[in-house]
Amino acid sequence: MKDKYRTIAAVAIVLLALLASYLLVTANSVGFVIRAALAILMLAVAGIGIRRTLSLNGGFGLYLLAGRKGLKCIDRISKHDKVFWNSMALWGFVLGFGLLSYPLMRGKLSKKLFAFGMVLLAVIYVFVTPYLGYAMQFINMSAIQSGVSTTTSAHASLLGYALMAITLLFGFSGFAIVSLFFSAATIVEGIARYVMGALSGSASASALSSRCLAWCP
């Protein structure tokens, strides 16, 4: 009987979290930063509530759903064509870490697989990443769109060549880290220009703070 009430309580928490998420997404009058902070707080509270209600493993608002069926399924799949799955894992390692993957996996990574992964890494960077901004247009959040577009638009500049070199050296993990730092620097620059313009009373403060206003409430 207690398990039934716990399940009902967990479902109620999920429904409330979904309702809160919908309200945050549609609250256009609230700034993006405030909505993001409230969303993180809401997910943390909901996660803690579900974890305590169902007595699940986890912490800090995260919980783990574990079972033996999934592990058995993975073991069953891995027993068929082990060479293929090992090659896929190593190939993914090359995409993730680029040239750095070769010394890290020395003795386990063949030269052919390494070369194939590097060629595909360059192809994905050249022909796929420049269009990430277009893909993000389906998400109705101008701040995310502008952040992605700012990063992907750098491909035609000197920064684009630097990003490509970093991607080839460190894979998409390096690309992701550098892109995050680049976007963060853009936001900090916008905030600094906004503050400086506000303090000096410049008439062009609104133009200089266009990047900041996309993120600030």
Protein backbone atom coordinates (compact mmCIF):
# COMPACT_ATOMS: atom_id res chain seq x y z
CA MET A 1 0.00 0.00 0.00
CA LYS A 2 2.84 2.34 0.86
CA ASP A 3 4.49 1.65 -2.49
CA LYS A 4 1.27 2.70 -4.24
CA TYR A 5 1.18 6.03 -2.42
CA ARG A 6 4.88 6.57 -3.16
CA THR A 7 4.28 5.99 -6.85
CA ILE A 8 1.36 8.42 -6.87
CA ALA A 9 3.47 11.03 -5.07
CA ALA A 10 6.33 10.58 -7.58
CA VAL A 11 3.94 10.97 -10.52
CA ALA A 12 2.51 14.13 -8.91
CA ILE A 13 6.04 15.57 -8.58
CA VAL A 14 6.74 14.83 -12.26
CA LEU A 15 3.49 16.50 -13.35
CA LEU A 16 4.21 19.56 -11.22
CA ALA A 17 7.72 19.74 -12.67
CA LEU A 18 6.33 19.56 -16.21
CA LEU A 19 3.83 22.31 -15.42
CA ALA A 20 6.57 24.48 -13.93
CA SER A 21 8.75 23.86 -17.00
CA TYR A 22 5.94 24.95 -19.31
CA LEU A 23 5.36 28.12 -17.29
CA LEU A 24 9.07 28.96 -17.40
CA VAL A 25 9.31 28.43 -21.16
CA THR A 26 6.26 30.61 -21.85
CA ALA A 27 7.24 33.35 -19.38
CA ASN A 28 8.68 35.70 -22.00
CA SER A 29 8.49 38.66 -19.65
CA VAL A 30 11.12 37.08 -17.41
CA GLY A 31 14.78 37.27 -18.38
CA PHE A 32 16.59 34.25 -19.76
CA VAL A 33 19.10 34.08 -16.88
CA ILE A 34 16.34 34.10 -14.26
CA ARG A 35 14.39 31.42 -16.15
CA ALA A 36 17.48 29.25 -16.45
CA ALA A 37 18.24 29.60 -12.72
CA LEU A 38 14.64 28.79 -11.78
CA ALA A 39 14.65 25.78 -14.14
CA ILE A 40 17.81 24.38 -12.52
CA LEU A 41 16.37 24.96 -9.06
CA MET A 42 13.06 23.34 -10.05
CA LEU A 43 14.81 20.26 -11.50
CA ALA A 44 16.94 19.92 -8.36
CA VAL A 45 13.93 20.12 -6.05
CA ALA A 46 11.94 17.67 -8.18
CA GLY A 47 14.88 15.27 -8.33
CA ILE A 48 15.34 15.35 -4.56
CA GLY A 49 11.62 14.80 -4.06
CA ILE A 50 11.51 11.80 -6.43
CA ARG A 51 14.67 10.30 -4.96
CA ARG A 52 13.41 10.51 -1.38
CA THR A 53 9.90 9.37 -2.29
CA LEU A 54 11.04 6.23 -4.14
CA SER A 55 14.20 5.67 -2.05
CA LEU A 56 16.48 5.80 -5.10
CA ASN A 57 20.24 6.12 -5.25
CA GLY A 58 21.65 9.54 -6.05
CA GLY A 59 22.30 12.98 -4.69
CA PHE A 60 22.24 16.75 -5.41
CA GLY A 61 18.90 16.47 -7.19
CA LEU A 62 20.02 13.53 -9.35
CA TYR A 63 18.77 9.99 -9.03
CA LEU A 64 19.72 6.70 -10.63
CA LEU A 65 17.29 4.16 -12.06
CA ALA A 66 19.11 0.85 -12.14
CA GLY A 67 18.08 -2.60 -13.24
CA ARG A 68 19.58 -5.87 -14.38
CA LYS A 69 17.63 -6.12 -17.64
CA GLY A 70 19.57 -3.29 -19.23
CA LEU A 71 22.91 -4.76 -18.21
CA LYS A 72 21.92 -8.17 -19.55
CA CYS A 73 20.88 -6.57 -22.84
CA ILE A 74 24.23 -4.79 -23.13
CA ASP A 75 26.12 -8.01 -22.37
CA ARG A 76 24.07 -9.91 -24.94
CA ILE A 77 24.74 -7.32 -27.65
CA SER A 78 28.44 -7.06 -26.84
CA LYS A 79 28.95 -10.81 -27.25
CA HIS A 80 28.03 -10.58 -30.94
CA ASP A 81 30.78 -9.24 -33.21
CA LYS A 82 33.16 -7.98 -30.52
CA VAL A 83 35.54 -6.62 -33.16
CA PHE A 84 32.85 -4.30 -34.50
CA TRP A 85 31.89 -2.90 -31.11
CA ASN A 86 35.51 -2.42 -30.07
CA SER A 87 36.16 -0.58 -33.34
CA MET A 88 33.11 1.64 -32.76
CA ALA A 89 34.32 2.49 -29.26
CA LEU A 90 37.81 3.38 -30.48
CA TRP A 91 36.37 5.37 -33.40
CA GLY A 92 34.26 7.39 -30.98
CA PHE A 93 37.37 7.95 -28.87
CA VAL A 94 39.13 9.46 -31.90
CA LEU A 95 36.17 11.77 -32.57
CA GLY A 96 36.15 12.82 -28.94
CA PHE A 97 39.88 13.47 -28.47
CA GLY A 98 41.35 13.91 -31.96
CA LEU A 99 45.12 13.51 -32.38
CA LEU A 100 45.43 13.18 -28.63
CA SER A 101 43.64 9.82 -28.82
CA TYR A 102 46.58 8.12 -30.57
CA PRO A 103 49.11 8.40 -27.72
CA LEU A 104 46.37 7.77 -25.16
CA MET A 105 45.31 4.52 -26.86
CA ARG A 106 48.71 3.44 -28.13
CA GLY A 107 48.78 -0.27 -28.86
CA LYS A 108 44.97 -0.54 -28.99
CA LEU A 109 44.17 1.88 -31.82
CA SER A 110 45.08 0.81 -35.35
CA LYS A 111 46.49 3.37 -37.79
CA LYS A 112 43.67 2.74 -40.29
CA LEU A 113 40.96 3.35 -37.72
CA PHE A 114 42.79 6.40 -36.41
CA ALA A 115 43.14 7.85 -39.93
CA PHE A 116 39.46 7.17 -40.69
CA GLY A 117 38.40 8.87 -37.47
CA MET A 118 40.55 11.93 -38.14
CA VAL A 119 39.23 12.31 -41.70
CA LEU A 120 35.64 12.03 -40.48
CA LEU A 121 36.38 14.49 -37.68
CA ALA A 122 37.57 17.07 -40.22
CA VAL A 123 34.58 16.40 -42.50
CA ILE A 124 32.08 16.85 -39.66
CA TYR A 125 33.77 20.07 -38.55
CA VAL A 126 33.84 21.59 -42.06
CA PHE A 127 30.40 20.51 -43.31
CA VAL A 128 28.24 20.12 -40.18
CA THR A 129 29.25 22.51 -37.39
CA PRO A 130 28.79 25.70 -39.50
CA TYR A 131 25.07 24.90 -39.73
CA LEU A 132 24.41 24.35 -36.02
CA GLY A 133 22.96 27.87 -35.82
CA TYR A 134 20.29 26.95 -38.38
CA ALA A 135 19.42 23.79 -36.45
CA MET A 136 18.97 25.78 -33.22
CA GLN A 137 16.34 27.98 -34.89
CA PHE A 138 13.80 25.29 -34.06
CA ILE A 139 14.32 26.13 -30.37
CA ASN A 140 12.38 29.28 -29.49
CA MET A 141 15.07 30.85 -27.33
CA SER A 142 16.90 33.76 -28.94
CA ALA A 143 19.74 33.62 -26.42
CA ILE A 144 20.65 30.05 -27.35
CA GLN A 145 20.36 30.83 -31.06
CA SER A 146 22.60 33.87 -30.81
CA GLY A 147 25.19 32.01 -28.74
CA VAL A 148 25.42 29.13 -31.21
CA SER A 149 25.38 31.46 -34.22
CA THR A 150 28.19 33.54 -32.71
CA THR A 151 30.35 30.44 -32.33
CA THR A 152 29.57 28.89 -35.70
CA SER A 153 29.96 32.19 -37.60
CA ALA A 154 33.61 32.26 -36.58
CA HIS A 155 34.44 29.48 -39.05
CA ALA A 156 35.22 31.95 -41.85
CA SER A 157 37.66 33.98 -39.75
CA LEU A 158 41.06 33.42 -38.20
CA LEU A 159 39.30 32.14 -35.11
CA GLY A 160 37.69 29.48 -37.30
CA TYR A 161 41.09 28.12 -38.27
CA ALA A 162 42.13 28.12 -34.62
CA LEU A 163 38.96 26.21 -33.71
CA MET A 164 39.65 23.69 -36.45
CA ALA A 165 43.20 23.17 -35.20
CA ILE A 166 41.94 22.67 -31.66
CA THR A 167 39.27 20.26 -32.90
CA LEU A 168 41.82 18.17 -34.78
CA LEU A 169 44.21 18.16 -31.83
CA PHE A 170 41.71 17.53 -29.03
CA GLY A 171 38.57 16.32 -30.84
CA PHE A 172 35.06 17.53 -30.22
CA SER A 173 35.74 17.63 -26.49
CA GLY A 174 38.25 20.42 -27.13
CA PHE A 175 35.83 22.13 -29.53
CA ALA A 176 33.06 22.08 -26.92
CA ILE A 177 35.29 23.48 -24.16
CA VAL A 178 36.67 26.28 -26.34
CA SER A 179 33.18 27.15 -27.63
CA LEU A 180 31.90 27.45 -24.07
CA PHE A 181 34.79 29.73 -23.09
CA PHE A 182 34.27 31.79 -26.25
CA SER A 183 30.55 32.23 -25.54
CA ALA A 184 31.28 33.07 -21.91
CA ALA A 185 33.84 35.70 -22.97
CA THR A 186 31.27 37.21 -25.35
CA ILE A 187 28.74 37.50 -22.54
CA VAL A 188 31.29 39.03 -20.15
CA GLU A 189 32.31 41.52 -22.84
CA GLY A 190 28.69 42.53 -23.38
CA ILE A 191 28.10 42.99 -19.65
CA ALA A 192 31.30 45.03 -19.27
CA ARG A 193 30.35 47.32 -22.16
CA TYR A 194 26.83 47.73 -20.78
CA VAL A 195 28.15 48.70 -17.34
CA MET A 196 30.73 51.07 -18.80
CA GLY A 197 28.13 52.69 -21.04
CA ALA A 198 25.67 53.05 -18.16
CA LEU A 199 28.30 54.62 -15.89
CA SER A 200 29.48 57.06 -18.55
CA GLY A 201 25.94 57.92 -19.64
CA SER A 202 26.80 57.20 -23.25
CA ALA A 203 23.93 57.46 -25.72
CA SER A 204 25.23 54.38 -27.51
CA ALA A 205 25.01 52.16 -24.45
CA SER A 206 22.05 50.25 -25.85
CA ALA A 207 23.93 49.42 -29.04
CA LEU A 208 27.04 48.34 -27.17
CA SER A 209 25.04 46.11 -24.81
CA SER A 210 23.11 44.19 -27.47
CA ARG A 211 24.89 40.96 -26.62
CA CYS A 212 24.31 41.38 -22.92
CA LEU A 213 20.57 42.11 -23.29
CA ALA A 214 20.06 38.73 -24.95
CA TRP A 215 21.02 37.06 -21.67
CA CYS A 216 20.14 39.58 -18.98
CA PRO A 217 16.56 40.08 -17.69
